[in-house]
Amino acid sequence: MAALATAEACDTNAALLASGDLRVLQPTFLIYGQCRAFSGSIVTLKVFEDNVLVRELLEIRGEGRVLVIDGGGSMRCALVGGNLGQLAQNMGWAGILLNGCIRDVDEINACDIGVRALASNPLKSNKKGIGEKHVPVYIAGTWIRDGEWLYADSDGILVSKSELSI
């Protein structure tokens, strides 16, 4: 899939921005992974300091989708590490947006996916399997829903109700 420049998408979709069908996430995420620009249909997950469901979803064929994880903004532990980054790459996920922390930064940076997260933290998460899949999540100032589209590049992150054309 050809990359869609987020700045250009904003410039050419003023009506979608005005209606809320295209939203710009607040610039709070750091860039990780080999793919600085990525996009795909969204799969949502809501967890807190527990990454069992993260692994469950990443074990499913990604087919170019983006996993959006609302980790509650917790900075106390990491929800994605090098093993999950490699799993996401192997299973064909385009990227991960994480409202929380990663770890194993060097390993994730070697993966051929895009990752956006708040920070890194070496502490691993709990393993209780608590959370919700495919639910609306509120991240960086906007609601994000399963099946919407995410576009990320060095300028920022957009969420659209439908796929944008290049």
N, C-alpha and C. Protein backbone atom coordinates (compact mmCIF):
# COMPACT_ATOMS: atom_id res chain seq x y z
N MET A 1 0.85 -1.18 0.00
CA MET A 1 0.00 0.00 0.00
C MET A 1 0.89 1.24 0.00
N ALA A 2 0.63 2.16 -0.89
CA ALA A 2 1.39 3.40 -0.94
C ALA A 2 1.09 4.23 0.31
N ALA A 3 2.11 4.94 0.75
CA ALA A 3 1.94 5.76 1.95
C ALA A 3 1.13 7.00 1.62
N LEU A 4 0.28 7.38 2.54
CA LEU A 4 -0.53 8.59 2.40
C LEU A 4 0.05 9.61 3.38
N ALA A 5 0.50 10.73 2.89
CA ALA A 5 1.07 11.76 3.74
C ALA A 5 -0.04 12.40 4.58
N THR A 6 0.15 12.41 5.89
CA THR A 6 -0.91 12.93 6.76
C THR A 6 -1.16 14.42 6.54
N ALA A 7 -0.10 15.20 6.28
CA ALA A 7 -0.29 16.63 6.04
C ALA A 7 -1.12 16.86 4.78
N GLU A 8 -0.80 16.12 3.73
CA GLU A 8 -1.56 16.23 2.48
C GLU A 8 -3.00 15.78 2.68
N ALA A 9 -3.19 14.71 3.46
CA ALA A 9 -4.54 14.22 3.73
C ALA A 9 -5.36 15.28 4.46
N CYS A 10 -4.74 16.00 5.38
CA CYS A 10 -5.45 17.08 6.08
C CYS A 10 -5.78 18.22 5.12
N ASP A 11 -4.82 18.56 4.25
CA ASP A 11 -5.04 19.67 3.32
C ASP A 11 -6.16 19.38 2.33
N THR A 12 -6.29 18.13 1.91
CA THR A 12 -7.26 17.80 0.86
C THR A 12 -8.59 17.27 1.38
N ASN A 13 -8.73 17.18 2.70
CA ASN A 13 -9.97 16.63 3.27
C ASN A 13 -10.56 17.53 4.35
N ALA A 14 -10.64 18.84 4.03
CA ALA A 14 -11.16 19.81 5.00
C ALA A 14 -12.59 19.47 5.43
N ALA A 15 -13.41 19.00 4.50
CA ALA A 15 -14.80 18.68 4.85
C ALA A 15 -14.87 17.51 5.83
N LEU A 16 -14.01 16.51 5.63
CA LEU A 16 -13.99 15.37 6.56
C LEU A 16 -13.48 15.79 7.94
N LEU A 17 -12.50 16.68 7.97
CA LEU A 17 -12.01 17.20 9.25
C LEU A 17 -13.11 17.98 9.97
N ALA A 18 -13.83 18.81 9.22
CA ALA A 18 -14.89 19.63 9.81
C ALA A 18 -16.03 18.77 10.36
N SER A 19 -16.33 17.67 9.68
CA SER A 19 -17.43 16.81 10.11
C SER A 19 -17.04 15.85 11.23
N GLY A 20 -15.74 15.69 11.46
CA GLY A 20 -15.27 14.73 12.46
C GLY A 20 -15.07 13.33 11.91
N ASP A 21 -15.29 13.17 10.61
CA ASP A 21 -15.06 11.86 9.99
C ASP A 21 -13.57 11.57 9.83
N LEU A 22 -12.75 12.62 9.90
CA LEU A 22 -11.29 12.51 9.90
C LEU A 22 -10.79 13.28 11.11
N ARG A 23 -10.02 12.61 11.97
CA ARG A 23 -9.53 13.24 13.19
C ARG A 23 -8.01 13.15 13.28
N VAL A 24 -7.41 14.17 13.89
CA VAL A 24 -5.97 14.21 14.11
C VAL A 24 -5.72 13.92 15.59
N LEU A 25 -4.90 12.93 15.87
CA LEU A 25 -4.58 12.62 17.26
C LEU A 25 -3.61 13.66 17.81
N GLN A 26 -3.74 13.97 19.09
CA GLN A 26 -2.81 14.88 19.74
C GLN A 26 -1.40 14.29 19.62
N PRO A 27 -0.38 15.14 19.43
CA PRO A 27 0.98 14.65 19.19
C PRO A 27 1.70 14.22 20.47
N THR A 28 1.33 13.04 20.96
CA THR A 28 1.92 12.56 22.21
C THR A 28 2.74 11.28 22.05
N PHE A 29 2.85 10.77 20.82
CA PHE A 29 3.46 9.46 20.62
C PHE A 29 4.85 9.54 20.04
N LEU A 30 5.71 8.63 20.49
CA LEU A 30 7.05 8.48 19.95
C LEU A 30 7.02 7.44 18.84
N ILE A 31 7.97 7.56 17.92
CA ILE A 31 8.02 6.69 16.74
C ILE A 31 9.03 5.57 16.97
N TYR A 32 8.57 4.32 16.73
CA TYR A 32 9.42 3.14 16.83
C TYR A 32 9.17 2.25 15.62
N GLY A 33 10.03 1.27 15.43
CA GLY A 33 9.88 0.32 14.32
C GLY A 33 10.47 0.86 13.03
N GLN A 34 10.64 -0.04 12.06
CA GLN A 34 11.25 0.32 10.77
C GLN A 34 10.32 1.16 9.90
N CYS A 35 9.02 0.98 10.02
CA CYS A 35 8.07 1.69 9.15
C CYS A 35 7.68 3.01 9.81
N ARG A 36 8.25 4.08 9.31
CA ARG A 36 7.92 5.40 9.86
C ARG A 36 6.54 5.84 9.40
N ALA A 37 6.09 5.33 8.26
CA ALA A 37 4.75 5.62 7.75
C ALA A 37 4.02 4.30 7.57
N PHE A 38 2.79 4.22 8.08
CA PHE A 38 1.99 3.01 7.94
C PHE A 38 0.52 3.37 8.04
N SER A 39 -0.31 2.48 7.54
CA SER A 39 -1.75 2.70 7.62
C SER A 39 -2.45 1.35 7.55
N GLY A 40 -3.72 1.35 7.95
CA GLY A 40 -4.52 0.14 7.86
C GLY A 40 -5.81 0.28 8.63
N SER A 41 -6.66 -0.70 8.41
CA SER A 41 -7.91 -0.81 9.15
C SER A 41 -7.60 -1.10 10.62
N ILE A 42 -8.39 -0.55 11.51
CA ILE A 42 -8.10 -0.59 12.94
C ILE A 42 -8.79 -1.76 13.64
N VAL A 43 -8.04 -2.40 14.53
CA VAL A 43 -8.58 -3.36 15.50
C VAL A 43 -8.29 -2.74 16.87
N THR A 44 -9.32 -2.60 17.71
CA THR A 44 -9.13 -1.94 19.01
C THR A 44 -9.05 -2.94 20.16
N LEU A 45 -8.35 -2.50 21.19
CA LEU A 45 -8.17 -3.29 22.40
C LEU A 45 -8.02 -2.34 23.58
N LYS A 46 -8.69 -2.67 24.68
CA LYS A 46 -8.58 -1.87 25.90
C LYS A 46 -8.09 -2.78 27.02
N VAL A 47 -6.92 -2.46 27.57
CA VAL A 47 -6.32 -3.23 28.66
C VAL A 47 -5.67 -2.25 29.63
N PHE A 48 -5.28 -2.76 30.79
CA PHE A 48 -4.54 -1.92 31.73
C PHE A 48 -3.47 -2.76 32.42
N GLU A 49 -2.23 -2.47 32.06
CA GLU A 49 -1.06 -3.12 32.66
C GLU A 49 -1.13 -4.65 32.56
N ASP A 50 -1.70 -5.15 31.48
CA ASP A 50 -1.90 -6.59 31.25
C ASP A 50 -1.86 -6.81 29.74
N ASN A 51 -0.93 -7.65 29.26
CA ASN A 51 -0.80 -7.78 27.81
C ASN A 51 -1.21 -9.14 27.24
N VAL A 52 -1.93 -9.95 27.97
CA VAL A 52 -2.36 -11.26 27.48
C VAL A 52 -3.21 -11.11 26.22
N LEU A 53 -4.17 -10.18 26.23
CA LEU A 53 -5.03 -9.98 25.07
C LEU A 53 -4.28 -9.35 23.90
N VAL A 54 -3.23 -8.60 24.18
CA VAL A 54 -2.39 -8.05 23.11
C VAL A 54 -1.80 -9.22 22.31
N ARG A 55 -1.22 -10.19 23.02
CA ARG A 55 -0.65 -11.35 22.34
C ARG A 55 -1.73 -12.12 21.57
N GLU A 56 -2.89 -12.32 22.18
CA GLU A 56 -3.97 -13.05 21.51
C GLU A 56 -4.33 -12.42 20.17
N LEU A 57 -4.45 -11.10 20.14
CA LEU A 57 -4.81 -10.43 18.89
C LEU A 57 -3.67 -10.49 17.88
N LEU A 58 -2.43 -10.30 18.35
CA LEU A 58 -1.29 -10.32 17.43
C LEU A 58 -1.02 -11.72 16.87
N GLU A 59 -1.55 -12.76 17.49
CA GLU A 59 -1.40 -14.12 16.97
C GLU A 59 -2.36 -14.40 15.81
N ILE A 60 -3.30 -13.48 15.57
CA ILE A 60 -4.23 -13.59 14.45
C ILE A 60 -3.59 -12.89 13.25
N ARG A 61 -3.81 -13.40 12.05
CA ARG A 61 -3.27 -12.77 10.84
C ARG A 61 -3.69 -11.30 10.80
N GLY A 62 -2.71 -10.43 10.66
CA GLY A 62 -2.98 -8.99 10.68
C GLY A 62 -3.55 -8.46 9.38
N GLU A 63 -3.15 -9.05 8.26
CA GLU A 63 -3.64 -8.64 6.94
C GLU A 63 -3.55 -7.13 6.74
N GLY A 64 -2.44 -6.53 7.19
CA GLY A 64 -2.22 -5.11 6.99
C GLY A 64 -2.98 -4.19 7.91
N ARG A 65 -3.59 -4.74 8.95
CA ARG A 65 -4.34 -3.91 9.89
C ARG A 65 -3.42 -3.27 10.93
N VAL A 66 -3.99 -2.36 11.71
CA VAL A 66 -3.27 -1.67 12.77
C VAL A 66 -3.96 -1.99 14.10
N LEU A 67 -3.19 -2.47 15.07
CA LEU A 67 -3.73 -2.74 16.40
C LEU A 67 -3.62 -1.46 17.22
N VAL A 68 -4.76 -0.95 17.68
CA VAL A 68 -4.81 0.24 18.52
C VAL A 68 -5.12 -0.22 19.94
N ILE A 69 -4.16 0.00 20.83
CA ILE A 69 -4.26 -0.48 22.21
C ILE A 69 -4.40 0.71 23.16
N ASP A 70 -5.52 0.76 23.86
CA ASP A 70 -5.67 1.74 24.93
C ASP A 70 -5.19 1.09 26.21
N GLY A 71 -3.97 1.44 26.59
CA GLY A 71 -3.39 0.92 27.82
C GLY A 71 -3.60 1.88 28.97
N GLY A 72 -4.59 2.78 28.84
CA GLY A 72 -4.89 3.71 29.91
C GLY A 72 -3.82 4.76 30.13
N GLY A 73 -2.85 4.84 29.22
CA GLY A 73 -1.77 5.81 29.37
C GLY A 73 -0.80 5.46 30.47
N SER A 74 -0.85 4.21 30.95
CA SER A 74 0.03 3.81 32.05
C SER A 74 1.50 3.88 31.64
N MET A 75 2.29 4.47 32.50
CA MET A 75 3.73 4.56 32.30
C MET A 75 4.47 3.62 33.25
N ARG A 76 3.71 2.74 33.94
CA ARG A 76 4.32 1.89 34.98
C ARG A 76 4.88 0.58 34.48
N CYS A 77 4.49 0.15 33.26
CA CYS A 77 5.02 -1.09 32.70
C CYS A 77 4.81 -1.07 31.20
N ALA A 78 5.45 -2.01 30.52
CA ALA A 78 5.33 -2.11 29.06
C ALA A 78 4.29 -3.15 28.68
N LEU A 79 3.53 -2.84 27.62
CA LEU A 79 2.53 -3.78 27.11
C LEU A 79 3.01 -4.52 25.87
N VAL A 80 4.00 -3.97 25.17
CA VAL A 80 4.55 -4.58 23.97
C VAL A 80 6.07 -4.57 24.08
N GLY A 81 6.67 -5.73 23.82
CA GLY A 81 8.12 -5.85 23.81
C GLY A 81 8.60 -6.41 22.48
N GLY A 82 9.86 -6.78 22.44
CA GLY A 82 10.46 -7.27 21.21
C GLY A 82 9.80 -8.51 20.65
N ASN A 83 9.41 -9.45 21.50
CA ASN A 83 8.76 -10.67 21.02
C ASN A 83 7.43 -10.36 20.36
N LEU A 84 6.64 -9.48 20.95
CA LEU A 84 5.35 -9.12 20.36
C LEU A 84 5.53 -8.28 19.09
N GLY A 85 6.56 -7.47 19.05
CA GLY A 85 6.87 -6.72 17.85
C GLY A 85 7.20 -7.66 16.69
N GLN A 86 8.01 -8.68 16.98
CA GLN A 86 8.36 -9.66 15.95
C GLN A 86 7.14 -10.47 15.54
N LEU A 87 6.29 -10.82 16.50
CA LEU A 87 5.05 -11.55 16.20
C LEU A 87 4.15 -10.71 15.28
N ALA A 88 4.01 -9.42 15.59
CA ALA A 88 3.19 -8.53 14.75
C ALA A 88 3.73 -8.50 13.32
N GLN A 89 5.04 -8.41 13.17
CA GLN A 89 5.65 -8.41 11.84
C GLN A 89 5.37 -9.74 11.13
N ASN A 90 5.61 -10.85 11.82
CA ASN A 90 5.44 -12.18 11.22
C ASN A 90 4.00 -12.45 10.81
N MET A 91 3.05 -11.89 11.55
CA MET A 91 1.64 -12.15 11.28
C MET A 91 1.01 -11.12 10.34
N GLY A 92 1.81 -10.20 9.82
CA GLY A 92 1.32 -9.30 8.79
C GLY A 92 0.57 -8.07 9.28
N TRP A 93 0.82 -7.64 10.50
CA TRP A 93 0.23 -6.39 10.98
C TRP A 93 1.02 -5.22 10.42
N ALA A 94 0.35 -4.14 10.05
CA ALA A 94 1.03 -2.94 9.54
C ALA A 94 1.66 -2.15 10.68
N GLY A 95 0.99 -2.14 11.83
CA GLY A 95 1.52 -1.36 12.93
C GLY A 95 0.71 -1.49 14.20
N ILE A 96 1.23 -0.80 15.22
CA ILE A 96 0.62 -0.79 16.55
C ILE A 96 0.63 0.65 17.05
N LEU A 97 -0.51 1.11 17.53
CA LEU A 97 -0.60 2.39 18.24
C LEU A 97 -0.91 2.03 19.68
N LEU A 98 -0.05 2.44 20.59
CA LEU A 98 -0.16 2.04 21.99
C LEU A 98 -0.23 3.26 22.90
N ASN A 99 -1.36 3.42 23.57
CA ASN A 99 -1.51 4.44 24.60
C ASN A 99 -0.94 3.86 25.89
N GLY A 100 0.37 3.74 25.90
CA GLY A 100 1.11 3.11 26.99
C GLY A 100 2.56 2.95 26.55
N CYS A 101 3.26 2.03 27.21
CA CYS A 101 4.70 1.88 26.99
C CYS A 101 5.07 0.58 26.28
N ILE A 102 6.23 0.65 25.60
CA ILE A 102 6.86 -0.53 25.04
C ILE A 102 8.14 -0.81 25.83
N ARG A 103 8.79 -1.92 25.53
CA ARG A 103 10.14 -2.19 26.02
C ARG A 103 10.89 -2.91 24.90
N ASP A 104 12.15 -3.23 25.13
CA ASP A 104 12.98 -3.85 24.09
C ASP A 104 13.01 -2.94 22.86
N VAL A 105 13.30 -1.69 23.07
CA VAL A 105 13.26 -0.68 22.01
C VAL A 105 14.11 -1.07 20.81
N ASP A 106 15.32 -1.56 21.04
CA ASP A 106 16.19 -1.91 19.92
C ASP A 106 15.60 -3.04 19.10
N GLU A 107 14.98 -4.02 19.76
CA GLU A 107 14.34 -5.13 19.04
C GLU A 107 13.14 -4.63 18.24
N ILE A 108 12.32 -3.78 18.83
CA ILE A 108 11.15 -3.25 18.12
C ILE A 108 11.61 -2.38 16.94
N ASN A 109 12.67 -1.61 17.14
CA ASN A 109 13.18 -0.78 16.05
C ASN A 109 13.72 -1.60 14.89
N ALA A 110 14.04 -2.87 15.12
CA ALA A 110 14.51 -3.75 14.05
C ALA A 110 13.36 -4.42 13.30
N CYS A 111 12.14 -4.31 13.82
CA CYS A 111 10.97 -4.95 13.21
C CYS A 111 10.44 -4.11 12.05
N ASP A 112 9.96 -4.81 11.01
CA ASP A 112 9.43 -4.16 9.82
C ASP A 112 7.94 -3.85 9.99
N ILE A 113 7.63 -3.07 11.02
CA ILE A 113 6.28 -2.58 11.28
C ILE A 113 6.42 -1.15 11.80
N GLY A 114 5.30 -0.46 11.94
CA GLY A 114 5.31 0.85 12.57
C GLY A 114 4.74 0.74 13.97
N VAL A 115 5.35 1.41 14.91
CA VAL A 115 4.88 1.39 16.29
C VAL A 115 4.89 2.83 16.81
N ARG A 116 3.81 3.21 17.45
CA ARG A 116 3.73 4.49 18.15
C ARG A 116 3.36 4.18 19.59
N ALA A 117 4.10 4.75 20.53
CA ALA A 117 3.84 4.53 21.95
C ALA A 117 4.23 5.79 22.72
N LEU A 118 3.80 5.87 23.97
CA LEU A 118 4.08 7.05 24.78
C LEU A 118 5.52 7.11 25.25
N ALA A 119 6.12 5.94 25.54
CA ALA A 119 7.47 5.89 26.08
C ALA A 119 7.91 4.43 26.15
N SER A 120 9.09 4.23 26.71
CA SER A 120 9.55 2.87 26.99
C SER A 120 9.73 2.69 28.49
N ASN A 121 9.55 1.46 28.93
CA ASN A 121 9.70 1.11 30.34
C ASN A 121 10.15 -0.35 30.38
N PRO A 122 11.22 -0.68 31.09
CA PRO A 122 11.73 -2.04 31.08
C PRO A 122 10.89 -3.07 31.84
N LEU A 123 9.94 -2.61 32.64
CA LEU A 123 9.14 -3.53 33.46
C LEU A 123 8.05 -4.19 32.62
N LYS A 124 7.93 -5.54 32.72
CA LYS A 124 6.89 -6.24 31.97
C LYS A 124 5.54 -6.10 32.67
N SER A 125 4.49 -6.39 31.91
CA SER A 125 3.13 -6.22 32.41
C SER A 125 2.64 -7.46 33.16
N ASN A 126 1.43 -7.34 33.71
CA ASN A 126 0.75 -8.47 34.34
C ASN A 126 0.28 -9.45 33.28
N LYS A 127 -0.11 -10.64 33.70
CA LYS A 127 -0.60 -11.67 32.78
C LYS A 127 -1.89 -12.27 33.34
N LYS A 128 -2.94 -11.45 33.40
CA LYS A 128 -4.23 -11.92 33.94
C LYS A 128 -5.28 -12.14 32.86
N GLY A 129 -5.07 -11.57 31.67
CA GLY A 129 -6.03 -11.74 30.58
C GLY A 129 -7.26 -10.87 30.70
N ILE A 130 -7.13 -9.74 31.39
CA ILE A 130 -8.27 -8.85 31.59
C ILE A 130 -8.23 -7.72 30.56
N GLY A 131 -9.38 -7.46 29.93
CA GLY A 131 -9.48 -6.37 28.97
C GLY A 131 -10.66 -6.58 28.05
N GLU A 132 -10.79 -5.69 27.07
CA GLU A 132 -11.91 -5.75 26.13
C GLU A 132 -11.40 -5.58 24.71
N LYS A 133 -11.84 -6.48 23.81
CA LYS A 133 -11.48 -6.40 22.40
C LYS A 133 -12.62 -5.75 21.62
N HIS A 134 -12.24 -5.06 20.54
CA HIS A 134 -13.19 -4.51 19.57
C HIS A 134 -14.18 -3.52 20.20
N VAL A 135 -13.72 -2.70 21.14
CA VAL A 135 -14.56 -1.68 21.77
C VAL A 135 -14.02 -0.30 21.42
N PRO A 136 -14.88 0.73 21.41
CA PRO A 136 -14.38 2.08 21.19
C PRO A 136 -13.40 2.47 22.30
N VAL A 137 -12.32 3.14 21.91
CA VAL A 137 -11.32 3.60 22.88
C VAL A 137 -11.10 5.09 22.68
N TYR A 138 -10.79 5.79 23.76
CA TYR A 138 -10.53 7.23 23.70
C TYR A 138 -9.04 7.45 23.92
N ILE A 139 -8.35 7.88 22.86
CA ILE A 139 -6.90 8.05 22.91
C ILE A 139 -6.53 9.38 22.27
N ALA A 140 -5.65 10.12 22.92
CA ALA A 140 -5.07 11.36 22.38
C ALA A 140 -6.14 12.31 21.85
N GLY A 141 -7.23 12.44 22.60
CA GLY A 141 -8.24 13.44 22.28
C GLY A 141 -9.33 13.02 21.33
N THR A 142 -9.39 11.73 20.96
CA THR A 142 -10.45 11.31 20.04
C THR A 142 -10.88 9.87 20.31
N TRP A 143 -12.13 9.60 19.95
CA TRP A 143 -12.64 8.23 19.99
C TRP A 143 -12.14 7.49 18.76
N ILE A 144 -11.72 6.25 18.95
CA ILE A 144 -11.26 5.39 17.86
C ILE A 144 -12.06 4.10 17.93
N ARG A 145 -12.59 3.70 16.77
CA ARG A 145 -13.46 2.52 16.73
C ARG A 145 -12.91 1.44 15.81
N ASP A 146 -13.21 0.22 16.15
CA ASP A 146 -12.87 -0.94 15.34
C ASP A 146 -13.37 -0.70 13.91
N GLY A 147 -12.53 -0.99 12.93
CA GLY A 147 -12.94 -0.87 11.53
C GLY A 147 -12.67 0.49 10.91
N GLU A 148 -12.33 1.50 11.73
CA GLU A 148 -11.93 2.78 11.15
C GLU A 148 -10.52 2.60 10.58
N TRP A 149 -9.96 3.66 10.00
CA TRP A 149 -8.65 3.61 9.37
C TRP A 149 -7.68 4.53 10.07
N LEU A 150 -6.45 4.05 10.26
CA LEU A 150 -5.39 4.84 10.88
C LEU A 150 -4.31 5.09 9.84
N TYR A 151 -3.81 6.33 9.83
CA TYR A 151 -2.71 6.75 8.95
C TYR A 151 -1.66 7.41 9.82
N ALA A 152 -0.43 6.94 9.78
CA ALA A 152 0.64 7.51 10.60
C ALA A 152 1.87 7.76 9.74
N ASP A 153 2.50 8.89 9.98
CA ASP A 153 3.80 9.17 9.38
C ASP A 153 4.57 10.08 10.35
N SER A 154 5.66 10.65 9.90
CA SER A 154 6.49 11.47 10.78
C SER A 154 5.79 12.74 11.24
N ASP A 155 4.75 13.18 10.51
CA ASP A 155 4.02 14.39 10.89
C ASP A 155 2.94 14.15 11.94
N GLY A 156 2.41 12.93 12.01
CA GLY A 156 1.37 12.68 12.99
C GLY A 156 0.51 11.48 12.65
N ILE A 157 -0.63 11.39 13.33
CA ILE A 157 -1.53 10.24 13.21
C ILE A 157 -2.94 10.74 12.94
N LEU A 158 -3.56 10.15 11.92
CA LEU A 158 -4.95 10.46 11.58
C LEU A 158 -5.80 9.21 11.76
N VAL A 159 -7.06 9.43 12.13
CA VAL A 159 -8.05 8.36 12.17
C VAL A 159 -9.22 8.81 11.32
N SER A 160 -9.65 7.92 10.41
CA SER A 160 -10.73 8.23 9.48
C SER A 160 -11.82 7.18 9.59
N LYS A 161 -13.07 7.62 9.45
CA LYS A 161 -14.19 6.68 9.49
C LYS A 161 -14.14 5.70 8.33
N SER A 162 -13.53 6.14 7.22
CA SER A 162 -13.42 5.26 6.05
C SER A 162 -12.03 5.40 5.45
N GLU A 163 -11.70 4.48 4.56
CA GLU A 163 -10.40 4.51 3.91
C GLU A 163 -10.28 5.76 3.03
N LEU A 164 -9.15 6.45 3.15
CA LEU A 164 -8.90 7.64 2.34
C LEU A 164 -8.21 7.23 1.04
N SER A 165 -8.49 7.96 -0.05
CA SER A 165 -7.76 7.70 -1.29
C SER A 165 -6.53 8.58 -1.38
N ILE A 166 -5.57 8.09 -2.08
CA ILE A 166 -4.29 8.80 -2.19
C ILE A 166 -4.39 9.85 -3.27
